[in-house]
Amino acid sequence: MNIGLRNIKTALSVFLSILISNFVGLDYPFYAAIASLVCMQSTLEKTFITGKNRLLGTAVGALLGFIFASVFPTNAIFSAIGIIVLIYICNKLEWNDAISMAGIVFLAIMLNIKDNKHALIYSYKRLLETLIGIVVAFLVNSFIFPPEK
């Protein structure tokens, strides 16, 4: 059994995402690491598309999560209403491949914020952490043994 280049590049991408997140003082390098793991794909085009969808979903989820958590943090009914709004928006924008990620980010914000004073900061950090992971995955995949078309 071989450990392939994509395996090694994925591990490197996760490692760098965690290091960068820690270096810039982010609280949850988990989100950067997960974004990096998910975005490392077999081609640069797939990496880009996966990263784009993840970023779009994270942006919608973070924005709606901020809005809803600012008013009704941890509320089950408003979590469900937010999911309806989120899916509607993604469908209208034709971002169907971003719906799951948008929902995950929205719920992470809605269900992890106990004090609505921190909703904006928490939302911003989720977006930043995800962006770090996406960029690292794309750069690693682009410059370290880039995949053939």
C-alpha atoms as a PDB file:
ATOM      1  CA  MET A   1       0.000   0.000   0.000  1.00  0.00           C
ATOM      2  CA  ASN A   2       1.357   3.398  -1.026  1.00  0.00           C
ATOM      3  CA  ILE A   3       0.987   6.777   0.552  1.00  0.00           C
ATOM      4  CA  GLY A   4       0.318   8.936  -2.487  1.00  0.00           C
ATOM      5  CA  LEU A   5       1.216  12.533  -3.183  1.00  0.00           C
ATOM      6  CA  ARG A   6      -2.346  13.745  -2.611  1.00  0.00           C
ATOM      7  CA  ASN A   7      -2.284  12.131   0.819  1.00  0.00           C
ATOM      8  CA  ILE A   8       0.967  13.898   1.700  1.00  0.00           C
ATOM      9  CA  LYS A   9      -0.190  17.216   0.210  1.00  0.00           C
ATOM     10  CA  THR A  10      -3.435  16.981   2.170  1.00  0.00           C
ATOM     11  CA  ALA A  11      -1.554  16.392   5.406  1.00  0.00           C
ATOM     12  CA  LEU A  12       0.825  19.273   4.609  1.00  0.00           C
ATOM     13  CA  SER A  13      -2.110  21.525   3.795  1.00  0.00           C
ATOM     14  CA  VAL A  14      -3.820  20.675   7.102  1.00  0.00           C
ATOM     15  CA  PHE A  15      -0.557  21.198   8.987  1.00  0.00           C
ATOM     16  CA  LEU A  16       0.055  24.617   7.410  1.00  0.00           C
ATOM     17  CA  SER A  17      -3.557  25.691   7.970  1.00  0.00           C
ATOM     18  CA  ILE A  18      -3.268  24.885  11.664  1.00  0.00           C
ATOM     19  CA  LEU A  19       0.091  26.679  11.957  1.00  0.00           C
ATOM     20  CA  ILE A  20      -1.204  29.797  10.202  1.00  0.00           C
ATOM     21  CA  SER A  21      -4.408  29.840  12.264  1.00  0.00           C
ATOM     22  CA  ASN A  22      -2.396  29.571  15.469  1.00  0.00           C
ATOM     23  CA  PHE A  23       0.085  32.205  14.277  1.00  0.00           C
ATOM     24  CA  VAL A  24      -2.652  34.771  13.613  1.00  0.00           C
ATOM     25  CA  GLY A  25      -4.315  33.931  16.937  1.00  0.00           C
ATOM     26  CA  LEU A  26      -7.512  32.264  15.776  1.00  0.00           C
ATOM     27  CA  ASP A  27      -9.380  30.254  18.389  1.00  0.00           C
ATOM     28  CA  TYR A  28     -10.479  27.328  16.248  1.00  0.00           C
ATOM     29  CA  PRO A  29      -7.864  26.084  13.765  1.00  0.00           C
ATOM     30  CA  PHE A  30     -10.269  23.165  13.306  1.00  0.00           C
ATOM     31  CA  TYR A  31     -12.220  25.148  10.682  1.00  0.00           C
ATOM     32  CA  ALA A  32      -9.111  25.990   8.658  1.00  0.00           C
ATOM     33  CA  ALA A  33      -7.905  22.396   8.848  1.00  0.00           C
ATOM     34  CA  ILE A  34     -11.269  21.024   7.724  1.00  0.00           C
ATOM     35  CA  ALA A  35     -11.468  23.488   4.823  1.00  0.00           C
ATOM     36  CA  SER A  36      -7.978  22.491   3.764  1.00  0.00           C
ATOM     37  CA  LEU A  37      -8.800  18.788   4.008  1.00  0.00           C
ATOM     38  CA  VAL A  38     -12.005  19.111   1.978  1.00  0.00           C
ATOM     39  CA  CYS A  39     -10.526  21.405  -0.670  1.00  0.00           C
ATOM     40  CA  MET A  40      -7.531  19.255  -1.536  1.00  0.00           C
ATOM     41  CA  GLN A  41      -8.773  17.586  -4.707  1.00  0.00           C
ATOM     42  CA  SER A  42      -7.307  15.540  -7.550  1.00  0.00           C
ATOM     43  CA  THR A  43      -7.085  18.518  -9.938  1.00  0.00           C
ATOM     44  CA  LEU A  44      -6.530  22.249  -9.530  1.00  0.00           C
ATOM     45  CA  GLU A  45      -9.898  22.905 -11.153  1.00  0.00           C
ATOM     46  CA  LYS A  46     -11.677  20.677  -8.615  1.00  0.00           C
ATOM     47  CA  THR A  47      -9.724  22.309  -5.787  1.00  0.00           C
ATOM     48  CA  PHE A  48     -10.782  25.743  -7.027  1.00  0.00           C
ATOM     49  CA  ILE A  49     -14.449  24.783  -7.458  1.00  0.00           C
ATOM     50  CA  THR A  50     -14.603  23.080  -4.061  1.00  0.00           C
ATOM     51  CA  GLY A  51     -12.928  26.092  -2.437  1.00  0.00           C
ATOM     52  CA  LYS A  52     -15.244  28.536  -4.194  1.00  0.00           C
ATOM     53  CA  ASN A  53     -18.350  26.627  -3.081  1.00  0.00           C
ATOM     54  CA  ARG A  54     -17.016  26.333   0.442  1.00  0.00           C
ATOM     55  CA  LEU A  55     -16.254  30.058   0.593  1.00  0.00           C
ATOM     56  CA  LEU A  56     -19.655  31.050  -0.813  1.00  0.00           C
ATOM     57  CA  GLY A  57     -21.411  28.754   1.637  1.00  0.00           C
ATOM     58  CA  THR A  58     -19.328  29.989   4.536  1.00  0.00           C
ATOM     59  CA  ALA A  59     -20.056  33.618   3.634  1.00  0.00           C
ATOM     60  CA  VAL A  60     -23.830  33.078   3.461  1.00  0.00           C
ATOM     61  CA  GLY A  61     -23.831  30.940   6.601  1.00  0.00           C
ATOM     62  CA  ALA A  62     -21.687  33.420   8.516  1.00  0.00           C
ATOM     63  CA  LEU A  63     -23.813  36.407   7.497  1.00  0.00           C
ATOM     64  CA  LEU A  64     -27.113  34.733   8.345  1.00  0.00           C
ATOM     65  CA  GLY A  65     -25.598  33.168  11.461  1.00  0.00           C
ATOM     66  CA  PHE A  66     -24.505  36.602  12.628  1.00  0.00           C
ATOM     67  CA  ILE A  67     -27.927  38.117  11.967  1.00  0.00           C
ATOM     68  CA  PHE A  68     -29.908  35.335  13.625  1.00  0.00           C
ATOM     69  CA  ALA A  69     -27.489  34.779  16.535  1.00  0.00           C
ATOM     70  CA  SER A  70     -27.477  38.503  17.255  1.00  0.00           C
ATOM     71  CA  VAL A  71     -31.179  38.309  17.989  1.00  0.00           C
ATOM     72  CA  PHE A  72     -31.948  34.691  18.974  1.00  0.00           C
ATOM     73  CA  PRO A  73     -28.750  32.742  19.798  1.00  0.00           C
ATOM     74  CA  THR A  74     -29.169  28.979  20.342  1.00  0.00           C
ATOM     75  CA  ASN A  75     -32.905  29.153  19.600  1.00  0.00           C
ATOM     76  CA  ALA A  76     -34.142  25.945  17.906  1.00  0.00           C
ATOM     77  CA  ILE A  77     -37.080  27.557  16.102  1.00  0.00           C
ATOM     78  CA  PHE A  78     -34.961  30.385  14.701  1.00  0.00           C
ATOM     79  CA  SER A  79     -32.252  27.899  13.766  1.00  0.00           C
ATOM     80  CA  ALA A  80     -34.817  26.093  11.616  1.00  0.00           C
ATOM     81  CA  ILE A  81     -36.168  29.354  10.166  1.00  0.00           C
ATOM     82  CA  GLY A  82     -32.603  30.424   9.387  1.00  0.00           C
ATOM     83  CA  ILE A  83     -32.005  27.185   7.494  1.00  0.00           C
ATOM     84  CA  ILE A  84     -35.118  27.852   5.401  1.00  0.00           C
ATOM     85  CA  VAL A  85     -33.897  31.371   4.605  1.00  0.00           C
ATOM     86  CA  LEU A  86     -30.390  30.119   3.888  1.00  0.00           C
ATOM     87  CA  ILE A  87     -31.515  27.412   1.461  1.00  0.00           C
ATOM     88  CA  TYR A  88     -33.845  29.881  -0.246  1.00  0.00           C
ATOM     89  CA  ILE A  89     -31.017  32.406  -0.730  1.00  0.00           C
ATOM     90  CA  CYS A  90     -28.574  29.789  -2.026  1.00  0.00           C
ATOM     91  CA  ASN A  91     -31.191  28.446  -4.435  1.00  0.00           C
ATOM     92  CA  LYS A  92     -31.993  31.955  -5.695  1.00  0.00           C
ATOM     93  CA  LEU A  93     -28.277  32.631  -6.262  1.00  0.00           C
ATOM     94  CA  GLU A  94     -27.899  29.178  -7.870  1.00  0.00           C
ATOM     95  CA  TRP A  95     -25.309  28.206  -5.268  1.00  0.00           C
ATOM     96  CA  ASN A  96     -26.729  24.730  -4.722  1.00  0.00           C
ATOM     97  CA  ASP A  97     -23.304  23.222  -4.063  1.00  0.00           C
ATOM     98  CA  ALA A  98     -22.787  25.721  -1.227  1.00  0.00           C
ATOM     99  CA  ILE A  99     -25.992  24.901   0.684  1.00  0.00           C
ATOM    100  CA  SER A 100     -24.563  22.236   2.994  1.00  0.00           C
ATOM    101  CA  MET A 101     -21.570  24.356   3.955  1.00  0.00           C
ATOM    102  CA  ALA A 102     -23.759  27.410   4.467  1.00  0.00           C
ATOM    103  CA  GLY A 103     -25.982  25.376   6.777  1.00  0.00           C
ATOM    104  CA  ILE A 104     -23.056  23.980   8.762  1.00  0.00           C
ATOM    105  CA  VAL A 105     -21.551  27.434   9.314  1.00  0.00           C
ATOM    106  CA  PHE A 106     -24.941  28.936  10.151  1.00  0.00           C
ATOM    107  CA  LEU A 107     -25.599  26.218  12.749  1.00  0.00           C
ATOM    108  CA  ALA A 108     -22.077  26.470  14.166  1.00  0.00           C
ATOM    109  CA  ILE A 109     -22.704  30.145  14.808  1.00  0.00           C
ATOM    110  CA  MET A 110     -26.309  29.812  15.983  1.00  0.00           C
ATOM    111  CA  LEU A 111     -25.623  26.948  18.353  1.00  0.00           C
ATOM    112  CA  ASN A 112     -22.209  27.975  19.687  1.00  0.00           C
ATOM    113  CA  ILE A 113     -22.997  31.602  20.521  1.00  0.00           C
ATOM    114  CA  LYS A 114     -24.345  31.893  24.038  1.00  0.00           C
ATOM    115  CA  ASP A 115     -23.902  35.648  24.242  1.00  0.00           C
ATOM    116  CA  ASN A 116     -25.083  37.591  21.210  1.00  0.00           C
ATOM    117  CA  LYS A 117     -22.436  40.290  21.790  1.00  0.00           C
ATOM    118  CA  HIS A 118     -19.870  37.975  20.217  1.00  0.00           C
ATOM    119  CA  ALA A 119     -21.848  36.904  17.133  1.00  0.00           C
ATOM    120  CA  LEU A 120     -20.034  39.256  14.744  1.00  0.00           C
ATOM    121  CA  ILE A 121     -16.558  38.260  15.913  1.00  0.00           C
ATOM    122  CA  TYR A 122     -17.409  34.560  15.883  1.00  0.00           C
ATOM    123  CA  SER A 123     -18.891  34.831  12.368  1.00  0.00           C
ATOM    124  CA  TYR A 124     -15.890  36.773  11.074  1.00  0.00           C
ATOM    125  CA  LYS A 125     -13.479  34.212  12.496  1.00  0.00           C
ATOM    126  CA  ARG A 126     -15.338  31.291  10.900  1.00  0.00           C
ATOM    127  CA  LEU A 127     -15.027  33.025   7.537  1.00  0.00           C
ATOM    128  CA  LEU A 128     -11.349  33.848   8.052  1.00  0.00           C
ATOM    129  CA  GLU A 129     -10.471  30.330   9.229  1.00  0.00           C
ATOM    130  CA  THR A 130     -12.214  28.792   6.238  1.00  0.00           C
ATOM    131  CA  LEU A 131     -10.478  31.190   3.861  1.00  0.00           C
ATOM    132  CA  ILE A 132      -7.097  30.226   5.310  1.00  0.00           C
ATOM    133  CA  GLY A 133      -7.779  26.531   4.727  1.00  0.00           C
ATOM    134  CA  ILE A 134      -9.015  27.094   1.172  1.00  0.00           C
ATOM    135  CA  VAL A 135      -6.057  29.269   0.184  1.00  0.00           C
ATOM    136  CA  VAL A 136      -3.525  26.905   1.740  1.00  0.00           C
ATOM    137  CA  ALA A 137      -5.039  23.879  -0.023  1.00  0.00           C
ATOM    138  CA  PHE A 138      -5.034  25.668  -3.366  1.00  0.00           C
ATOM    139  CA  LEU A 139      -1.433  26.880  -2.962  1.00  0.00           C
ATOM    140  CA  VAL A 140      -0.131  23.500  -1.822  1.00  0.00           C
ATOM    141  CA  ASN A 141      -1.949  21.752  -4.663  1.00  0.00           C
ATOM    142  CA  SER A 142      -0.677  24.341  -7.155  1.00  0.00           C
ATOM    143  CA  PHE A 143       2.989  24.419  -6.206  1.00  0.00           C
ATOM    144  CA  ILE A 144       3.865  21.111  -4.567  1.00  0.00           C
ATOM    145  CA  PHE A 145       3.790  18.374  -7.179  1.00  0.00           C
ATOM    146  CA  PRO A 146       0.846  19.957  -9.017  1.00  0.00           C
ATOM    147  CA  PRO A 147      -1.608  17.424 -10.389  1.00  0.00           C
ATOM    148  CA  GLU A 148      -1.664  16.787 -14.100  1.00  0.00           C
ATOM    149  CA  LYS A 149      -4.752  18.056 -15.870  1.00  0.00           C
END
